[in-house]
C-alpha atoms as a PDB file:
ATOM      1  CA  UNK A   1      25.768  77.131 -46.761  1.00  0.00           C
ATOM      2  CA  UNK A   2      29.070  78.323 -48.264  1.00  0.00           C
ATOM      3  CA  UNK A   3      27.699  81.867 -48.612  1.00  0.00           C
ATOM      4  CA  UNK A   4      27.031  81.938 -44.856  1.00  0.00           C
ATOM      5  CA  UNK A   5      30.723  81.415 -44.152  1.00  0.00           C
ATOM      6  CA  UNK A   6      31.888  84.149 -46.531  1.00  0.00           C
ATOM      7  CA  UNK A   7      31.912  86.927 -43.914  1.00  0.00           C
ATOM      8  CA  UNK A   8      34.475  84.963 -41.877  1.00  0.00           C
ATOM      9  CA  UNK A   9      36.888  84.955 -44.806  1.00  0.00           C
ATOM     10  CA  UNK A  10      36.398  88.704 -45.310  1.00  0.00           C
ATOM     11  CA  UNK A  11      36.591  89.662 -41.635  1.00  0.00           C
ATOM     12  CA  UNK A  12      39.647  87.493 -41.006  1.00  0.00           C
ATOM     13  CA  UNK A  13      41.683  87.734 -44.239  1.00  0.00           C
ATOM     14  CA  UNK A  14      44.696  85.527 -44.803  1.00  0.00           C
ATOM     15  CA  UNK A  15      47.487  85.301 -47.314  1.00  0.00           C
ATOM     16  CA  UNK A  16      46.587  81.849 -48.640  1.00  0.00           C
ATOM     17  CA  UNK A  17      45.876  81.351 -52.343  1.00  0.00           C
ATOM     18  CA  UNK A  18      42.464  80.764 -53.908  1.00  0.00           C
ATOM     19  CA  UNK A  19      42.794  76.965 -54.075  1.00  0.00           C
ATOM     20  CA  UNK A  20      43.774  76.810 -50.417  1.00  0.00           C
ATOM     21  CA  UNK A  21      40.849  79.084 -49.541  1.00  0.00           C
ATOM     22  CA  UNK A  22      38.468  76.724 -51.352  1.00  0.00           C
ATOM     23  CA  UNK A  23      39.925  73.755 -49.471  1.00  0.00           C
ATOM     24  CA  UNK A  24      39.617  75.628 -46.172  1.00  0.00           C
ATOM     25  CA  UNK A  25      35.994  76.506 -46.943  1.00  0.00           C
ATOM     26  CA  UNK A  26      35.281  72.825 -47.629  1.00  0.00           C
ATOM     27  CA  UNK A  27      36.656  71.875 -44.204  1.00  0.00           C
ATOM     28  CA  UNK A  28      34.507  74.517 -42.493  1.00  0.00           C
ATOM     29  CA  UNK A  29      31.462  73.183 -44.335  1.00  0.00           C
ATOM     30  CA  UNK A  30      32.167  69.674 -43.044  1.00  0.00           C
ATOM     31  CA  UNK A  31      32.485  71.014 -39.501  1.00  0.00           C
ATOM     32  CA  UNK A  32      29.021  72.599 -39.527  1.00  0.00           C
ATOM     33  CA  UNK A  33      27.092  70.337 -41.920  1.00  0.00           C
ATOM     34  CA  UNK A  34      24.937  68.855 -39.144  1.00  0.00           C
ATOM     35  CA  UNK A  35      24.011  72.187 -37.552  1.00  0.00           C
ATOM     36  CA  UNK A  36      20.912  74.235 -38.500  1.00  0.00           C
ATOM     37  CA  UNK A  37      21.644  77.132 -40.844  1.00  0.00           C
ATOM     38  CA  UNK A  38      20.218  79.675 -38.393  1.00  0.00           C
ATOM     39  CA  UNK A  39      22.705  78.606 -35.729  1.00  0.00           C
ATOM     40  CA  UNK A  40      25.663  78.665 -38.145  1.00  0.00           C
ATOM     41  CA  UNK A  41      24.669  82.110 -39.420  1.00  0.00           C
ATOM     42  CA  UNK A  42      24.469  83.486 -35.883  1.00  0.00           C
ATOM     43  CA  UNK A  43      27.809  81.906 -34.950  1.00  0.00           C
ATOM     44  CA  UNK A  44      29.485  83.519 -37.971  1.00  0.00           C
ATOM     45  CA  UNK A  45      27.970  86.896 -37.066  1.00  0.00           C
ATOM     46  CA  UNK A  46      29.122  86.534 -33.466  1.00  0.00           C
ATOM     47  CA  UNK A  47      32.718  85.872 -34.572  1.00  0.00           C
ATOM     48  CA  UNK A  48      32.650  88.728 -37.091  1.00  0.00           C
ATOM     49  CA  UNK A  49      31.286  91.109 -34.440  1.00  0.00           C
ATOM     50  CA  UNK A  50      33.841  89.905 -31.890  1.00  0.00           C
ATOM     51  CA  UNK A  51      31.249  88.871 -29.319  1.00  0.00           C
ATOM     52  CA  UNK A  52      32.322  85.242 -28.800  1.00  0.00           C
ATOM     53  CA  UNK A  53      33.698  84.869 -25.266  1.00  0.00           C
ATOM     54  CA  UNK A  54      37.286  83.663 -25.214  1.00  0.00           C
ATOM     55  CA  UNK A  55      37.982  84.313 -28.906  1.00  0.00           C
ATOM     56  CA  UNK A  56      41.017  86.523 -29.491  1.00  0.00           C
ATOM     57  CA  UNK A  57      39.312  88.492 -32.304  1.00  0.00           C
ATOM     58  CA  UNK A  58      42.582  88.642 -34.228  1.00  0.00           C
ATOM     59  CA  UNK A  59      42.462  85.354 -36.098  1.00  0.00           C
ATOM     60  CA  UNK A  60      39.762  83.391 -37.856  1.00  0.00           C
ATOM     61  CA  UNK A  61      38.130  80.822 -35.565  1.00  0.00           C
ATOM     62  CA  UNK A  62      39.101  77.212 -36.099  1.00  0.00           C
ATOM     63  CA  UNK A  63      36.545  74.819 -37.538  1.00  0.00           C
ATOM     64  CA  UNK A  64      36.080  73.355 -34.066  1.00  0.00           C
ATOM     65  CA  UNK A  65      35.508  76.795 -32.515  1.00  0.00           C
ATOM     66  CA  UNK A  66      32.910  77.713 -35.127  1.00  0.00           C
ATOM     67  CA  UNK A  67      31.096  74.377 -34.838  1.00  0.00           C
ATOM     68  CA  UNK A  68      31.169  74.456 -31.039  1.00  0.00           C
ATOM     69  CA  UNK A  69      29.764  77.993 -30.907  1.00  0.00           C
ATOM     70  CA  UNK A  70      27.067  77.141 -33.470  1.00  0.00           C
ATOM     71  CA  UNK A  71      26.058  74.076 -31.405  1.00  0.00           C
ATOM     72  CA  UNK A  72      25.868  76.225 -28.274  1.00  0.00           C
ATOM     73  CA  UNK A  73      23.534  78.610 -30.112  1.00  0.00           C
ATOM     74  CA  UNK A  74      21.437  75.669 -31.330  1.00  0.00           C
ATOM     75  CA  UNK A  75      21.078  74.315 -27.782  1.00  0.00           C
ATOM     76  CA  UNK A  76      20.017  77.737 -26.491  1.00  0.00           C
ATOM     77  CA  UNK A  77      17.448  78.352 -29.223  1.00  0.00           C
ATOM     78  CA  UNK A  78      16.156  74.883 -30.083  1.00  0.00           C
ATOM     79  CA  UNK A  79      12.583  74.113 -29.142  1.00  0.00           C
ATOM     80  CA  UNK A  80      11.966  70.483 -28.171  1.00  0.00           C
ATOM     81  CA  UNK A  81      10.014  68.723 -30.928  1.00  0.00           C
ATOM     82  CA  UNK A  82       7.273  67.867 -28.429  1.00  0.00           C
ATOM     83  CA  UNK A  83       6.647  71.580 -27.879  1.00  0.00           C
ATOM     84  CA  UNK A  84       6.155  72.431 -31.567  1.00  0.00           C
ATOM     85  CA  UNK A  85       2.741  72.900 -33.132  1.00  0.00           C
ATOM     86  CA  UNK A  86       3.207  70.914 -36.343  1.00  0.00           C
ATOM     87  CA  UNK A  87      -0.040  72.351 -37.704  1.00  0.00           C
ATOM     88  CA  UNK A  88       1.625  75.773 -37.877  1.00  0.00           C
ATOM     89  CA  UNK A  89       2.406  76.393 -41.608  1.00  0.00           C
ATOM     90  CA  UNK A  90       5.664  78.194 -40.750  1.00  0.00           C
ATOM     91  CA  UNK A  91       6.898  75.175 -38.791  1.00  0.00           C
ATOM     92  CA  UNK A  92       5.746  72.734 -41.471  1.00  0.00           C
ATOM     93  CA  UNK A  93       7.858  74.546 -44.084  1.00  0.00           C
ATOM     94  CA  UNK A  94      10.978  75.052 -41.916  1.00  0.00           C
ATOM     95  CA  UNK A  95      13.798  73.047 -43.576  1.00  0.00           C
ATOM     96  CA  UNK A  96      15.405  72.230 -40.223  1.00  0.00           C
ATOM     97  CA  UNK A  97      12.158  70.829 -38.838  1.00  0.00           C
ATOM     98  CA  UNK A  98      11.549  68.849 -42.027  1.00  0.00           C
ATOM     99  CA  UNK A  99      15.070  67.395 -41.858  1.00  0.00           C
ATOM    100  CA  UNK A 100      14.744  66.529 -38.167  1.00  0.00           C
ATOM    101  CA  UNK A 101      11.394  64.837 -38.761  1.00  0.00           C
ATOM    102  CA  UNK A 102      12.824  62.837 -41.664  1.00  0.00           C
ATOM    103  CA  UNK A 103      15.810  61.754 -39.571  1.00  0.00           C
ATOM    104  CA  UNK A 104      13.535  60.744 -36.700  1.00  0.00           C
ATOM    105  CA  UNK A 105      11.322  58.770 -39.088  1.00  0.00           C
ATOM    106  CA  UNK A 106      14.318  57.009 -40.666  1.00  0.00           C
ATOM    107  CA  UNK A 107      15.726  56.154 -37.246  1.00  0.00           C
ATOM    108  CA  UNK A 108      12.377  54.768 -36.145  1.00  0.00           C
ATOM    109  CA  UNK A 109      12.040  52.663 -39.291  1.00  0.00           C
ATOM    110  CA  UNK A 110      15.561  51.222 -38.828  1.00  0.00           C
ATOM    111  CA  UNK A 111      14.780  50.382 -35.214  1.00  0.00           C
ATOM    112  CA  UNK A 112      11.719  48.300 -36.067  1.00  0.00           C
END
């Protein structure tokens, strides 16, 4: 996941030292750790390209801005689980689908 955020640090350089950059990266990772990789990747690309409405394009987005935009992308692109064909090999191997199914199973088992 850290490699997905790299373009943000290149597109919006700052004068902070390496240790501070590592700490900042860790905070960004926490902000997006529950969001599918595809959505985070698209959000990063949108900020780098300057296509996020309301973003000033001069400074790096905050963790909240990145997470919020990534969640918006997820909502727009997510297919309800009931609509998926789980016999499709591509869907069966998708890490996001696997994670969501595991979380749903764990939640169900806790509820019993």
